[in-house]
Amino acid sequence: MIRLNRIRLGPSASMLLLGCLAICLICLISLISAAAENGLQKKKTADKKKAPGITSLAAKPLPLEQARQRARLLHDIYESTLLTMHRHYFEPNKKQVIPSRALEDVFYTARRRWGVEARWLAVSAQAMNIDHKPKTPFEKKAVQLLARGNKRHEEVREGTYRVAAPIVLFANCIRCHTTRRRNPVAGLVLSLPVKSE
């Protein structure tokens, strides 16, 4: 049985939560875009140091066509997030859904318009939905690494680039995602097709 707790959030708290999650999604999509644009490096050996955290991509100017494509992607993500917030949190007499479920509407837009698959991943806190438990060998390895504090786990296989990165759960999150860990994390897995090298 799937147990989803419904919580009542005011419009400001809801917008803040959705905004934070949308920013995380946008950062990860930008990271994927940059990796695809610059070519993917060969898989790193297991004994190397942890992967570096997400760094700003703004310092490096983009070719005009790449900038246009990234702008279209960001416009779609921002627009979809705004529409999702209004649809789920500002209609009178409508039961509010949890923010992670609402953002799955944004995932739908990214998949339909850009071919980017996104999915939540339970890492070190209670999964509120059994669909968020790791399913593939890549996701199971990602859970191990993200739980240890790694900032990213990625692979390229059969024409698909996959990356998993952590989402830190704050006080509002752990009211439902109960855990004994000090800094619990969830994960977000993004997948998109890449050209063979």
C-alpha atoms as a PDB file:
ATOM      1  CA  MET A   1       0.000   0.000   0.000  1.00  0.00           C
ATOM      2  CA  ILE A   2       1.351   3.420  -0.932  1.00  0.00           C
ATOM      3  CA  ARG A   3       1.131   5.963   1.866  1.00  0.00           C
ATOM      4  CA  LEU A   4       1.173   9.602   0.898  1.00  0.00           C
ATOM      5  CA  ASN A   5       0.848  12.098   3.691  1.00  0.00           C
ATOM      6  CA  ARG A   6      -1.003  15.256   2.783  1.00  0.00           C
ATOM      7  CA  ILE A   7       0.265  18.349   4.476  1.00  0.00           C
ATOM      8  CA  ARG A   8      -1.295  21.761   4.573  1.00  0.00           C
ATOM      9  CA  LEU A   9       1.067  24.488   3.458  1.00  0.00           C
ATOM     10  CA  GLY A  10       0.322  28.134   3.000  1.00  0.00           C
ATOM     11  CA  PRO A  11       0.854  29.603  -0.482  1.00  0.00           C
ATOM     12  CA  SER A  12       4.199  31.156   0.544  1.00  0.00           C
ATOM     13  CA  ALA A  13       5.619  27.915   1.935  1.00  0.00           C
ATOM     14  CA  SER A  14       4.358  25.962  -1.065  1.00  0.00           C
ATOM     15  CA  MET A  15       5.914  28.398  -3.506  1.00  0.00           C
ATOM     16  CA  LEU A  16       9.203  28.342  -1.600  1.00  0.00           C
ATOM     17  CA  LEU A  17       9.352  24.536  -1.614  1.00  0.00           C
ATOM     18  CA  LEU A  18       8.457  24.284  -5.292  1.00  0.00           C
ATOM     19  CA  GLY A  19      10.885  27.061  -6.142  1.00  0.00           C
ATOM     20  CA  CYS A  20      13.743  25.293  -4.333  1.00  0.00           C
ATOM     21  CA  LEU A  21      12.966  21.990  -6.019  1.00  0.00           C
ATOM     22  CA  ALA A  22      12.680  23.678  -9.421  1.00  0.00           C
ATOM     23  CA  ILE A  23      16.063  25.355  -8.956  1.00  0.00           C
ATOM     24  CA  CYS A  24      17.623  21.979  -8.106  1.00  0.00           C
ATOM     25  CA  LEU A  25      16.064  20.511 -11.235  1.00  0.00           C
ATOM     26  CA  ILE A  26      17.264  23.397 -13.391  1.00  0.00           C
ATOM     27  CA  CYS A  27      20.805  23.104 -12.007  1.00  0.00           C
ATOM     28  CA  LEU A  28      20.883  19.390 -12.779  1.00  0.00           C
ATOM     29  CA  ILE A  29      19.508  19.897 -16.282  1.00  0.00           C
ATOM     30  CA  SER A  30      22.111  22.611 -16.883  1.00  0.00           C
ATOM     31  CA  LEU A  31      24.779  20.207 -15.664  1.00  0.00           C
ATOM     32  CA  ILE A  32      23.577  17.530 -18.088  1.00  0.00           C
ATOM     33  CA  SER A  33      23.438  20.061 -20.905  1.00  0.00           C
ATOM     34  CA  ALA A  34      26.994  21.183 -20.234  1.00  0.00           C
ATOM     35  CA  ALA A  35      28.252  17.598 -20.120  1.00  0.00           C
ATOM     36  CA  ALA A  36      26.544  16.780 -23.415  1.00  0.00           C
ATOM     37  CA  GLU A  37      27.842  19.962 -25.071  1.00  0.00           C
ATOM     38  CA  ASN A  38      31.437  19.510 -23.987  1.00  0.00           C
ATOM     39  CA  GLY A  39      31.554  15.763 -24.721  1.00  0.00           C
ATOM     40  CA  LEU A  40      31.510  13.093 -22.066  1.00  0.00           C
ATOM     41  CA  GLN A  41      34.724  11.947 -20.486  1.00  0.00           C
ATOM     42  CA  LYS A  42      35.496   8.266 -20.196  1.00  0.00           C
ATOM     43  CA  LYS A  43      34.272   6.614 -17.026  1.00  0.00           C
ATOM     44  CA  LYS A  44      36.427   7.528 -14.029  1.00  0.00           C
ATOM     45  CA  THR A  45      38.166   4.760 -12.127  1.00  0.00           C
ATOM     46  CA  ALA A  46      36.659   3.769  -8.804  1.00  0.00           C
ATOM     47  CA  ASP A  47      39.739   4.763  -6.783  1.00  0.00           C
ATOM     48  CA  LYS A  48      39.580   8.428  -7.804  1.00  0.00           C
ATOM     49  CA  LYS A  49      38.431  11.127  -5.389  1.00  0.00           C
ATOM     50  CA  LYS A  50      34.773  12.129  -5.053  1.00  0.00           C
ATOM     51  CA  ALA A  51      33.226  13.965  -7.966  1.00  0.00           C
ATOM     52  CA  PRO A  52      33.241  17.742  -7.505  1.00  0.00           C
ATOM     53  CA  GLY A  53      30.021  19.539  -6.570  1.00  0.00           C
ATOM     54  CA  ILE A  54      27.896  21.477  -8.993  1.00  0.00           C
ATOM     55  CA  THR A  55      29.739  24.573 -10.114  1.00  0.00           C
ATOM     56  CA  SER A  56      28.526  27.652 -11.910  1.00  0.00           C
ATOM     57  CA  LEU A  57      28.308  27.323 -15.660  1.00  0.00           C
ATOM     58  CA  ALA A  58      27.649  31.036 -16.128  1.00  0.00           C
ATOM     59  CA  ALA A  59      31.324  32.009 -16.399  1.00  0.00           C
ATOM     60  CA  LYS A  60      31.785  30.237 -19.735  1.00  0.00           C
ATOM     61  CA  PRO A  61      30.019  31.949 -22.664  1.00  0.00           C
ATOM     62  CA  LEU A  62      28.036  29.654 -24.892  1.00  0.00           C
ATOM     63  CA  PRO A  63      27.781  29.589 -28.669  1.00  0.00           C
ATOM     64  CA  LEU A  64      24.598  31.412 -29.689  1.00  0.00           C
ATOM     65  CA  GLU A  65      22.663  28.295 -30.741  1.00  0.00           C
ATOM     66  CA  GLN A  66      23.452  26.510 -27.468  1.00  0.00           C
ATOM     67  CA  ALA A  67      22.418  29.615 -25.528  1.00  0.00           C
ATOM     68  CA  ARG A  68      19.113  29.702 -27.438  1.00  0.00           C
ATOM     69  CA  GLN A  69      18.459  26.030 -26.731  1.00  0.00           C
ATOM     70  CA  ARG A  70      19.288  26.416 -23.030  1.00  0.00           C
ATOM     71  CA  ALA A  71      17.059  29.497 -22.823  1.00  0.00           C
ATOM     72  CA  ARG A  72      14.164  27.538 -24.365  1.00  0.00           C
ATOM     73  CA  LEU A  73      14.726  24.710 -21.876  1.00  0.00           C
ATOM     74  CA  LEU A  74      14.830  27.076 -18.902  1.00  0.00           C
ATOM     75  CA  HIS A  75      11.760  28.945 -20.140  1.00  0.00           C
ATOM     76  CA  ASP A  76       9.815  25.667 -20.338  1.00  0.00           C
ATOM     77  CA  ILE A  77      10.940  24.609 -16.847  1.00  0.00           C
ATOM     78  CA  TYR A  78      10.107  27.971 -15.270  1.00  0.00           C
ATOM     79  CA  GLU A  79       6.757  28.190 -17.068  1.00  0.00           C
ATOM     80  CA  SER A  80       5.824  24.627 -16.154  1.00  0.00           C
ATOM     81  CA  THR A  81       6.786  25.216 -12.503  1.00  0.00           C
ATOM     82  CA  LEU A  82       4.683  28.381 -12.332  1.00  0.00           C
ATOM     83  CA  LEU A  83       1.656  26.645 -13.874  1.00  0.00           C
ATOM     84  CA  THR A  84       2.123  23.677 -11.543  1.00  0.00           C
ATOM     85  CA  MET A  85       2.203  25.922  -8.460  1.00  0.00           C
ATOM     86  CA  HIS A  86      -1.015  27.636  -9.521  1.00  0.00           C
ATOM     87  CA  ARG A  87      -2.749  24.380 -10.454  1.00  0.00           C
ATOM     88  CA  HIS A  88      -1.921  22.580  -7.190  1.00  0.00           C
ATOM     89  CA  TYR A  89      -1.820  25.326  -4.570  1.00  0.00           C
ATOM     90  CA  PHE A  90      -4.076  28.191  -5.585  1.00  0.00           C
ATOM     91  CA  GLU A  91      -7.346  26.540  -6.565  1.00  0.00           C
ATOM     92  CA  PRO A  92      -9.938  26.956  -3.812  1.00  0.00           C
ATOM     93  CA  ASN A  93     -11.303  23.826  -2.120  1.00  0.00           C
ATOM     94  CA  LYS A  94      -8.707  21.587  -3.759  1.00  0.00           C
ATOM     95  CA  LYS A  95      -6.669  19.160  -1.678  1.00  0.00           C
ATOM     96  CA  GLN A  96      -3.021  20.068  -1.880  1.00  0.00           C
ATOM     97  CA  VAL A  97      -0.482  17.507  -3.013  1.00  0.00           C
ATOM     98  CA  ILE A  98       3.014  17.186  -1.631  1.00  0.00           C
ATOM     99  CA  PRO A  99       5.613  19.286  -3.511  1.00  0.00           C
ATOM    100  CA  SER A 100       7.546  16.330  -4.940  1.00  0.00           C
ATOM    101  CA  ARG A 101       4.345  15.000  -6.528  1.00  0.00           C
ATOM    102  CA  ALA A 102       3.469  18.428  -7.915  1.00  0.00           C
ATOM    103  CA  LEU A 103       6.905  18.692  -9.532  1.00  0.00           C
ATOM    104  CA  GLU A 104       6.267  15.473 -11.416  1.00  0.00           C
ATOM    105  CA  ASP A 105       4.132  17.691 -13.664  1.00  0.00           C
ATOM    106  CA  VAL A 106       7.341  19.607 -14.455  1.00  0.00           C
ATOM    107  CA  PHE A 107       9.081  16.277 -15.114  1.00  0.00           C
ATOM    108  CA  TYR A 108       6.345  15.510 -17.636  1.00  0.00           C
ATOM    109  CA  THR A 109       7.056  18.758 -19.499  1.00  0.00           C
ATOM    110  CA  ALA A 110      10.804  18.060 -19.568  1.00  0.00           C
ATOM    111  CA  ARG A 111      10.199  14.544 -20.895  1.00  0.00           C
ATOM    112  CA  ARG A 112       7.641  15.547 -23.526  1.00  0.00           C
ATOM    113  CA  ARG A 113       9.445  18.619 -24.866  1.00  0.00           C
ATOM    114  CA  TRP A 114      13.115  17.811 -24.250  1.00  0.00           C
ATOM    115  CA  GLY A 115      13.455  14.033 -23.892  1.00  0.00           C
ATOM    116  CA  VAL A 116      14.787  14.399 -20.330  1.00  0.00           C
ATOM    117  CA  GLU A 117      13.568  11.660 -18.008  1.00  0.00           C
ATOM    118  CA  ALA A 118      13.466  12.652 -14.326  1.00  0.00           C
ATOM    119  CA  ARG A 119      12.625  10.577 -11.286  1.00  0.00           C
ATOM    120  CA  TRP A 120      12.842  10.941  -7.514  1.00  0.00           C
ATOM    121  CA  LEU A 121      15.035   8.514  -5.620  1.00  0.00           C
ATOM    122  CA  ALA A 122      14.745   7.576  -1.932  1.00  0.00           C
ATOM    123  CA  VAL A 123      18.259   7.701  -0.432  1.00  0.00           C
ATOM    124  CA  SER A 124      18.554   8.084   3.341  1.00  0.00           C
ATOM    125  CA  ALA A 125      15.034   8.910   4.499  1.00  0.00           C
ATOM    126  CA  GLN A 126      11.730   7.075   4.435  1.00  0.00           C
ATOM    127  CA  ALA A 127      10.293   6.776   0.947  1.00  0.00           C
ATOM    128  CA  MET A 128       6.823   8.300   0.855  1.00  0.00           C
ATOM    129  CA  ASN A 129       6.106   6.460  -2.379  1.00  0.00           C
ATOM    130  CA  ILE A 130       7.396   2.985  -3.218  1.00  0.00           C
ATOM    131  CA  ASP A 131       7.989   4.167  -6.793  1.00  0.00           C
ATOM    132  CA  HIS A 132      10.899   6.232  -5.442  1.00  0.00           C
ATOM    133  CA  LYS A 133      12.888   3.197  -4.286  1.00  0.00           C
ATOM    134  CA  PRO A 134      15.924   2.334  -6.440  1.00  0.00           C
ATOM    135  CA  LYS A 135      15.123  -0.101  -9.233  1.00  0.00           C
ATOM    136  CA  THR A 136      18.133  -0.391 -11.540  1.00  0.00           C
ATOM    137  CA  PRO A 137      21.762  -1.232 -10.742  1.00  0.00           C
ATOM    138  CA  PHE A 138      22.631   2.410 -11.543  1.00  0.00           C
ATOM    139  CA  GLU A 139      20.064   3.708  -9.033  1.00  0.00           C
ATOM    140  CA  LYS A 140      21.142   1.231  -6.328  1.00  0.00           C
ATOM    141  CA  LYS A 141      24.763   2.340  -6.715  1.00  0.00           C
ATOM    142  CA  ALA A 142      23.640   5.998  -6.706  1.00  0.00           C
ATOM    143  CA  VAL A 143      21.821   5.491  -3.394  1.00  0.00           C
ATOM    144  CA  GLN A 144      24.988   4.065  -1.822  1.00  0.00           C
ATOM    145  CA  LEU A 145      27.158   6.921  -3.078  1.00  0.00           C
ATOM    146  CA  LEU A 146      24.730   9.754  -2.310  1.00  0.00           C
ATOM    147  CA  ALA A 147      24.141   8.367   1.202  1.00  0.00           C
ATOM    148  CA  ARG A 148      27.925   8.561   1.746  1.00  0.00           C
ATOM    149  CA  GLY A 149      27.974  12.216   0.714  1.00  0.00           C
ATOM    150  CA  ASN A 150      28.950  12.018  -2.951  1.00  0.00           C
ATOM    151  CA  LYS A 151      27.642  14.934  -4.997  1.00  0.00           C
ATOM    152  CA  ARG A 152      26.966  13.021  -8.191  1.00  0.00           C
ATOM    153  CA  HIS A 153      26.885   9.585  -9.758  1.00  0.00           C
ATOM    154  CA  GLU A 154      26.793   9.312 -13.537  1.00  0.00           C
ATOM    155  CA  GLU A 155      27.086   6.816 -16.354  1.00  0.00           C
ATOM    156  CA  VAL A 156      26.763   6.608 -20.118  1.00  0.00           C
ATOM    157  CA  ARG A 157      25.280   3.384 -21.408  1.00  0.00           C
ATOM    158  CA  GLU A 158      23.558   2.411 -24.648  1.00  0.00           C
ATOM    159  CA  GLY A 159      23.178   5.990 -25.850  1.00  0.00           C
ATOM    160  CA  THR A 160      21.810   7.364 -22.554  1.00  0.00           C
ATOM    161  CA  TYR A 161      23.518   9.676 -20.078  1.00  0.00           C
ATOM    162  CA  ARG A 162      22.271   9.237 -16.500  1.00  0.00           C
ATOM    163  CA  VAL A 163      23.128  11.394 -13.523  1.00  0.00           C
ATOM    164  CA  ALA A 164      21.928  11.159  -9.933  1.00  0.00           C
ATOM    165  CA  ALA A 165      22.490  14.017  -7.505  1.00  0.00           C
ATOM    166  CA  PRO A 166      21.332  14.656  -3.940  1.00  0.00           C
ATOM    167  CA  ILE A 167      18.532  16.872  -2.709  1.00  0.00           C
ATOM    168  CA  VAL A 168      18.985  17.808   0.944  1.00  0.00           C
ATOM    169  CA  LEU A 169      15.832  17.406   3.010  1.00  0.00           C
ATOM    170  CA  PHE A 170      15.195  20.292   5.384  1.00  0.00           C
ATOM    171  CA  ALA A 171      13.002  20.539   8.489  1.00  0.00           C
ATOM    172  CA  ASN A 172       9.714  20.811   6.583  1.00  0.00           C
ATOM    173  CA  CYS A 173      10.589  17.684   4.597  1.00  0.00           C
ATOM    174  CA  ILE A 174      11.551  15.441   7.503  1.00  0.00           C
ATOM    175  CA  ARG A 175       8.223  15.897   9.235  1.00  0.00           C
ATOM    176  CA  CYS A 176       7.022  13.237   6.784  1.00  0.00           C
ATOM    177  CA  HIS A 177      10.298  11.681   5.600  1.00  0.00           C
ATOM    178  CA  THR A 178      11.243  10.435   9.061  1.00  0.00           C
ATOM    179  CA  THR A 179      14.865   9.492   9.581  1.00  0.00           C
ATOM    180  CA  ARG A 180      17.527   9.288  12.280  1.00  0.00           C
ATOM    181  CA  ARG A 181      20.228  10.632  10.008  1.00  0.00           C
ATOM    182  CA  ARG A 182      21.506  14.105  10.741  1.00  0.00           C
ATOM    183  CA  ASN A 183      21.419  15.404   7.152  1.00  0.00           C
ATOM    184  CA  PRO A 184      18.969  13.222   5.235  1.00  0.00           C
ATOM    185  CA  VAL A 185      18.987  13.336   1.457  1.00  0.00           C
ATOM    186  CA  ALA A 186      16.748  12.293  -1.380  1.00  0.00           C
ATOM    187  CA  GLY A 187      17.961  11.950  -4.922  1.00  0.00           C
ATOM    188  CA  LEU A 188      16.977  13.058  -8.386  1.00  0.00           C
ATOM    189  CA  VAL A 189      17.881  10.915 -11.402  1.00  0.00           C
ATOM    190  CA  LEU A 190      17.969  12.534 -14.841  1.00  0.00           C
ATOM    191  CA  SER A 191      18.431  10.630 -18.095  1.00  0.00           C
ATOM    192  CA  LEU A 192      18.739  11.857 -21.650  1.00  0.00           C
ATOM    193  CA  PRO A 193      19.990  10.524 -24.958  1.00  0.00           C
ATOM    194  CA  VAL A 194      23.519  11.354 -26.109  1.00  0.00           C
ATOM    195  CA  LYS A 195      25.413  10.844 -29.337  1.00  0.00           C
ATOM    196  CA  SER A 196      27.923   8.031 -29.475  1.00  0.00           C
ATOM    197  CA  GLU A 197      31.549   9.149 -29.445  1.00  0.00           C
END
